Each structure stands twice: as structure tokens, then as C-alpha cells.
Amino acid sequence: MDYYRVSADELHTDVVGDVGLACGFYTEEFQRKGGTPERVRARFSNAWQRDASGWHLLTYHRDAQPFDSAGRYLPAAVP
């Protein structure tokens, strides 16, 4: 990679007892070596659970738009 940056666009969190939730959107900006600069807006969601040893990740989901018909991300050049 020539560079890789992430910036949070929107973040929502909540904790109920020993379960924590987070979801939102972020933007990744990167350029693969020899490639075209790309910008991706991704959405994510996480669920965490706390026990005596601390917080543990239960689930993690992330996807980016746009997708092709097979569900693969379509790279787009930065304008």
C-alpha cells in the first residue's frame, strides 16, 4: 500500500448490562502500490460481552458500497 487512512463518519453505541453494541459508517481512503487512489464508505456493527476478564467481541460485520451482482466491492477512483 502507498497509504491507508480511516475516518469515522457516524458512530452509535449502547451498553445494556454486560452487552455493548456499536454501529455506524466510516470512510477508508487508500492506494495500492501502482494502483489508482480509492475511497470506500463502509458500514459496520459490533457486539461485545463483558465477563470477569474484560470485554470480548461476539460479532463483527463490515461491508462497503457499491457492490456488483456477485456481492463484490466495485473499486472507484477518487474524483
Protein backbone atom coordinates (compact mmCIF):
# COMPACT_ATOMS: atom_id res chain seq x y z
CA MET A 1 0.00 0.00 0.00
CA ASP A 2 1.12 3.54 -0.71
CA TYR A 3 -1.25 4.76 2.01
CA TYR A 4 -4.31 3.75 4.03
CA ARG A 5 -6.48 6.08 6.14
CA VAL A 6 -9.74 5.55 8.03
CA SER A 7 -12.08 8.26 9.31
CA ALA A 8 -15.25 7.75 11.36
CA ASP A 9 -18.33 9.29 9.74
CA GLU A 10 -21.09 8.15 12.09
CA LEU A 11 -20.96 6.15 15.32
CA HIS A 12 -23.81 4.85 17.50
CA THR A 13 -23.17 2.94 20.75
CA ASP A 14 -25.16 1.50 23.62
CA VAL A 15 -24.46 -0.70 26.63
CA VAL A 16 -27.09 -2.76 28.42
CA GLY A 17 -25.75 -4.69 31.38
CA ASP A 18 -22.77 -6.69 30.12
CA VAL A 19 -23.53 -6.33 26.41
CA GLY A 20 -22.23 -3.45 24.29
CA LEU A 21 -23.27 -2.54 20.75
CA ALA A 22 -21.65 -0.24 18.19
CA CYS A 23 -22.64 0.54 14.62
CA GLY A 24 -22.11 3.24 12.05
CA PHE A 25 -20.21 4.26 8.94
CA TYR A 26 -16.60 5.09 8.17
CA THR A 27 -14.56 6.05 5.11
CA GLU A 28 -11.40 4.27 4.01
CA GLU A 29 -9.00 6.05 1.67
CA PHE A 30 -6.14 4.03 0.23
CA GLN A 31 -3.92 3.39 -2.74
CA ARG A 32 -2.48 0.01 -3.58
CA LYS A 33 1.08 0.15 -4.90
CA GLY A 34 0.88 1.07 -8.59
CA GLY A 35 -2.92 1.41 -8.37
CA THR A 36 -5.47 4.18 -8.51
CA PRO A 37 -6.48 6.02 -5.30
CA GLU A 38 -9.73 4.62 -3.88
CA ARG A 39 -12.33 5.82 -1.39
CA VAL A 40 -14.78 3.40 0.22
CA ARG A 41 -17.67 4.16 2.53
CA ALA A 42 -18.26 1.16 4.78
CA ARG A 43 -20.89 0.34 7.37
CA PHE A 44 -20.16 -1.79 10.43
CA SER A 45 -21.73 -3.31 13.52
CA ASN A 46 -20.11 -4.93 16.56
CA ALA A 47 -21.44 -6.70 19.63
CA TRP A 48 -19.35 -7.12 22.78
CA GLN A 49 -19.88 -9.01 26.05
CA ARG A 50 -18.20 -8.34 29.39
CA ASP A 51 -17.20 -11.03 31.85
CA ALA A 52 -14.75 -11.20 34.78
CA SER A 53 -11.74 -10.99 32.42
CA GLY A 54 -12.99 -7.96 30.42
CA TRP A 55 -14.78 -7.20 27.14
CA HIS A 56 -14.89 -9.83 24.37
CA LEU A 57 -16.00 -9.36 20.77
CA LEU A 58 -19.05 -11.50 19.94
CA THR A 59 -19.77 -10.40 16.36
CA TYR A 60 -18.24 -8.09 13.79
CA HIS A 61 -19.82 -7.11 10.48
CA ARG A 62 -18.45 -4.76 7.83
CA ASP A 63 -19.43 -4.14 4.23
CA ALA A 64 -18.79 -1.48 1.64
CA GLN A 65 -20.80 0.04 -1.19
CA PRO A 66 -21.16 -0.29 -4.14
CA PHE A 67 -21.34 -4.00 -4.92
CA ASP A 68 -21.53 -5.92 -8.17
CA SER A 69 -24.17 -8.63 -8.83
CA ALA A 70 -21.94 -11.25 -7.13
CA GLY A 71 -21.61 -9.15 -3.99
CA ARG A 72 -18.05 -7.97 -4.68
CA TYR A 73 -16.93 -4.39 -3.99
CA LEU A 74 -16.54 -2.24 -7.12
CA PRO A 75 -13.39 -0.06 -6.84
CA ALA A 76 -13.87 3.58 -7.76
CA ALA A 77 -11.22 6.17 -8.49
CA VAL A 78 -11.14 9.24 -6.28
CA PRO A 79 -12.53 12.16 -8.28
